[in-house]
Amino acid sequence: MLIEITDAEIAGKLEHIAAQDGVSVEQVAVDFIKSGVDQSDAIKDLEAHLQPSIEQAERGEFSPRSVQDIVKDVYQELDAK
């Protein structure tokens, strides 16, 4: 299966998710497709979920939660929709 992602912003976000999960970008894309969630909505949901953590990190405040815990939360939220 060949998945071509032409939107650079979405590709970057998928690459980030893939790196956190230790899987390929293609696998992340396939998971989004299989979830039945519109990809753009899923990316927006992910951004909204991660934004507070990003802002904390930019201020030098780091979350005690692991990346794996954050990713699990994101997937749970996506599965709930």
N, C-alpha and C. Protein backbone atom coordinates (compact mmCIF):
# COMPACT_ATOMS: atom_id res chain seq x y z
N MET A 1 0.86 -1.17 0.00
CA MET A 1 0.00 0.00 0.00
C MET A 1 0.90 1.23 0.00
N LEU A 2 0.60 2.19 -0.84
CA LEU A 2 1.34 3.44 -0.91
C LEU A 2 0.44 4.56 -0.45
N ILE A 3 0.92 5.28 0.55
CA ILE A 3 0.18 6.43 1.05
C ILE A 3 1.04 7.65 0.80
N GLU A 4 0.51 8.59 0.04
CA GLU A 4 1.24 9.82 -0.25
C GLU A 4 0.56 10.97 0.49
N ILE A 5 1.32 11.62 1.34
CA ILE A 5 0.79 12.75 2.12
C ILE A 5 1.44 14.00 1.54
N THR A 6 0.62 14.84 0.93
CA THR A 6 1.15 16.01 0.24
C THR A 6 1.10 17.28 1.08
N ASP A 7 0.34 17.31 2.13
CA ASP A 7 0.26 18.48 3.00
C ASP A 7 1.41 18.41 4.00
N ALA A 8 2.35 19.35 3.92
CA ALA A 8 3.55 19.32 4.75
C ALA A 8 3.24 19.41 6.25
N GLU A 9 2.24 20.21 6.61
CA GLU A 9 1.89 20.36 8.02
C GLU A 9 1.35 19.05 8.59
N ILE A 10 0.45 18.42 7.86
CA ILE A 10 -0.10 17.14 8.31
C ILE A 10 0.99 16.07 8.33
N ALA A 11 1.83 16.06 7.30
CA ALA A 11 2.92 15.08 7.26
C ALA A 11 3.83 15.23 8.47
N GLY A 12 4.14 16.45 8.82
CA GLY A 12 5.00 16.69 9.99
C GLY A 12 4.36 16.20 11.28
N LYS A 13 3.07 16.42 11.41
CA LYS A 13 2.37 15.97 12.61
C LYS A 13 2.29 14.45 12.66
N LEU A 14 2.05 13.84 11.51
CA LEU A 14 2.03 12.37 11.47
C LEU A 14 3.41 11.80 11.80
N GLU A 15 4.46 12.45 11.30
CA GLU A 15 5.82 12.01 11.60
C GLU A 15 6.09 12.09 13.10
N HIS A 16 5.61 13.17 13.71
CA HIS A 16 5.79 13.34 15.15
C HIS A 16 5.08 12.24 15.94
N ILE A 17 3.84 11.96 15.56
CA ILE A 17 3.09 10.89 16.22
C ILE A 17 3.79 9.55 16.03
N ALA A 18 4.24 9.29 14.81
CA ALA A 18 4.91 8.03 14.50
C ALA A 18 6.17 7.87 15.34
N ALA A 19 6.94 8.94 15.46
CA ALA A 19 8.17 8.88 16.25
C ALA A 19 7.86 8.59 17.72
N GLN A 20 6.82 9.20 18.24
CA GLN A 20 6.44 8.97 19.63
C GLN A 20 6.00 7.53 19.85
N ASP A 21 5.29 6.98 18.87
CA ASP A 21 4.77 5.62 19.01
C ASP A 21 5.77 4.56 18.58
N GLY A 22 6.84 4.97 17.90
CA GLY A 22 7.82 4.01 17.40
C GLY A 22 7.29 3.18 16.24
N VAL A 23 6.44 3.79 15.43
CA VAL A 23 5.88 3.11 14.26
C VAL A 23 6.13 3.98 13.03
N SER A 24 5.77 3.47 11.87
CA SER A 24 5.96 4.24 10.64
C SER A 24 4.85 5.27 10.47
N VAL A 25 5.15 6.29 9.68
CA VAL A 25 4.14 7.31 9.36
C VAL A 25 2.97 6.64 8.65
N GLU A 26 3.29 5.68 7.79
CA GLU A 26 2.23 4.98 7.07
C GLU A 26 1.28 4.28 8.03
N GLN A 27 1.83 3.69 9.09
CA GLN A 27 0.99 3.00 10.07
C GLN A 27 0.07 3.98 10.79
N VAL A 28 0.60 5.14 11.14
CA VAL A 28 -0.22 6.15 11.79
C VAL A 28 -1.35 6.58 10.85
N ALA A 29 -1.02 6.80 9.57
CA ALA A 29 -2.03 7.20 8.60
C ALA A 29 -3.10 6.12 8.44
N VAL A 30 -2.66 4.88 8.35
CA VAL A 30 -3.60 3.77 8.22
C VAL A 30 -4.50 3.70 9.45
N ASP A 31 -3.93 3.90 10.64
CA ASP A 31 -4.73 3.87 11.87
C ASP A 31 -5.79 4.97 11.85
N PHE A 32 -5.42 6.17 11.37
CA PHE A 32 -6.41 7.25 11.27
C PHE A 32 -7.52 6.87 10.30
N ILE A 33 -7.13 6.31 9.17
CA ILE A 33 -8.11 5.93 8.15
C ILE A 33 -9.05 4.86 8.70
N LYS A 34 -8.47 3.84 9.35
CA LYS A 34 -9.28 2.76 9.90
C LYS A 34 -10.20 3.24 11.01
N SER A 35 -9.80 4.30 11.72
CA SER A 35 -10.62 4.76 12.84
C SER A 35 -11.93 5.37 12.37
N GLY A 36 -12.00 5.70 11.07
CA GLY A 36 -13.23 6.30 10.55
C GLY A 36 -13.37 7.77 10.88
N VAL A 37 -12.33 8.34 11.51
CA VAL A 37 -12.35 9.75 11.88
C VAL A 37 -11.74 10.53 10.73
N ASP A 38 -12.36 11.62 10.37
CA ASP A 38 -11.79 12.49 9.34
C ASP A 38 -10.39 12.89 9.78
N GLN A 39 -9.43 12.73 8.91
CA GLN A 39 -8.03 12.99 9.28
C GLN A 39 -7.82 14.42 9.75
N SER A 40 -8.41 15.38 9.09
CA SER A 40 -8.20 16.77 9.50
C SER A 40 -8.79 17.01 10.89
N ASP A 41 -9.93 16.40 11.17
CA ASP A 41 -10.51 16.52 12.51
C ASP A 41 -9.62 15.84 13.54
N ALA A 42 -9.06 14.70 13.19
CA ALA A 42 -8.18 13.99 14.12
C ALA A 42 -6.94 14.81 14.43
N ILE A 43 -6.37 15.43 13.41
CA ILE A 43 -5.19 16.26 13.61
C ILE A 43 -5.54 17.47 14.49
N LYS A 44 -6.68 18.08 14.24
CA LYS A 44 -7.12 19.22 15.06
C LYS A 44 -7.31 18.79 16.51
N ASP A 45 -7.91 17.62 16.71
CA ASP A 45 -8.10 17.10 18.07
C ASP A 45 -6.75 16.86 18.74
N LEU A 46 -5.82 16.30 17.99
CA LEU A 46 -4.49 16.06 18.53
C LEU A 46 -3.82 17.37 18.91
N GLU A 47 -3.91 18.37 18.03
CA GLU A 47 -3.32 19.67 18.34
C GLU A 47 -3.92 20.26 19.60
N ALA A 48 -5.23 20.19 19.72
CA ALA A 48 -5.91 20.75 20.89
C ALA A 48 -5.47 20.03 22.16
N HIS A 49 -5.29 18.73 22.06
CA HIS A 49 -4.88 17.94 23.22
C HIS A 49 -3.44 18.26 23.62
N LEU A 50 -2.56 18.44 22.63
CA LEU A 50 -1.15 18.66 22.91
C LEU A 50 -0.80 20.11 23.20
N GLN A 51 -1.64 21.05 22.80
CA GLN A 51 -1.30 22.47 22.93
C GLN A 51 -0.90 22.89 24.34
N PRO A 52 -1.64 22.51 25.38
CA PRO A 52 -1.21 22.91 26.73
C PRO A 52 0.19 22.38 27.08
N SER A 53 0.50 21.17 26.67
CA SER A 53 1.82 20.61 26.94
C SER A 53 2.90 21.34 26.16
N ILE A 54 2.60 21.72 24.93
CA ILE A 54 3.55 22.46 24.12
C ILE A 54 3.84 23.81 24.77
N GLU A 55 2.79 24.50 25.20
CA GLU A 55 2.96 25.80 25.84
C GLU A 55 3.76 25.69 27.13
N GLN A 56 3.51 24.63 27.92
CA GLN A 56 4.28 24.42 29.14
C GLN A 56 5.75 24.20 28.81
N ALA A 57 6.03 23.39 27.82
CA ALA A 57 7.41 23.10 27.43
C ALA A 57 8.12 24.36 26.95
N GLU A 58 7.40 25.21 26.20
CA GLU A 58 7.99 26.46 25.73
C GLU A 58 8.37 27.38 26.89
N ARG A 59 7.64 27.25 28.00
CA ARG A 59 7.94 28.05 29.20
C ARG A 59 8.98 27.34 30.08
N GLY A 60 9.43 26.18 29.67
CA GLY A 60 10.41 25.42 30.46
C GLY A 60 9.79 24.55 31.52
N GLU A 61 8.47 24.41 31.49
CA GLU A 61 7.75 23.57 32.44
C GLU A 61 7.47 22.23 31.75
N PHE A 62 7.90 21.17 32.36
CA PHE A 62 7.73 19.87 31.72
C PHE A 62 6.75 19.00 32.49
N SER A 63 5.92 18.29 31.76
CA SER A 63 4.91 17.42 32.34
C SER A 63 5.57 16.19 32.95
N PRO A 64 5.06 15.74 34.07
CA PRO A 64 5.59 14.49 34.65
C PRO A 64 5.09 13.25 33.90
N ARG A 65 4.12 13.44 32.98
CA ARG A 65 3.56 12.32 32.23
C ARG A 65 4.51 11.89 31.13
N SER A 66 4.52 10.61 30.86
CA SER A 66 5.37 10.10 29.78
C SER A 66 4.71 10.35 28.43
N VAL A 67 5.52 10.34 27.39
CA VAL A 67 5.00 10.49 26.03
C VAL A 67 4.01 9.38 25.74
N GLN A 68 4.31 8.18 26.19
CA GLN A 68 3.42 7.04 25.95
C GLN A 68 2.04 7.28 26.57
N ASP A 69 2.01 7.84 27.77
CA ASP A 69 0.72 8.13 28.42
C ASP A 69 -0.07 9.17 27.64
N ILE A 70 0.62 10.19 27.16
CA ILE A 70 -0.04 11.23 26.38
C ILE A 70 -0.60 10.66 25.09
N VAL A 71 0.19 9.84 24.41
CA VAL A 71 -0.25 9.23 23.15
C VAL A 71 -1.45 8.31 23.40
N LYS A 72 -1.41 7.54 24.48
CA LYS A 72 -2.55 6.67 24.82
C LYS A 72 -3.81 7.50 25.00
N ASP A 73 -3.69 8.64 25.69
CA ASP A 73 -4.85 9.51 25.89
C ASP A 73 -5.41 10.00 24.56
N VAL A 74 -4.51 10.39 23.66
CA VAL A 74 -4.94 10.87 22.36
C VAL A 74 -5.72 9.78 21.62
N TYR A 75 -5.17 8.57 21.61
CA TYR A 75 -5.84 7.47 20.91
C TYR A 75 -7.20 7.16 21.57
N GLN A 76 -7.27 7.22 22.88
CA GLN A 76 -8.53 6.98 23.57
C GLN A 76 -9.56 8.03 23.19
N GLU A 77 -9.13 9.29 23.12
CA GLU A 77 -10.05 10.35 22.73
C GLU A 77 -10.53 10.16 21.30
N LEU A 78 -9.61 9.76 20.41
CA LEU A 78 -9.99 9.53 19.02
C LEU A 78 -10.94 8.35 18.90
N ASP A 79 -10.69 7.29 19.67
CA ASP A 79 -11.56 6.12 19.63
C ASP A 79 -12.95 6.43 20.19
N ALA A 80 -13.03 7.38 21.11
CA ALA A 80 -14.31 7.72 21.73
C ALA A 80 -15.22 8.47 20.75
N LYS A 81 -14.62 9.04 19.72
CA LYS A 81 -15.43 9.84 18.77
C LYS A 81 -16.01 9.00 17.72
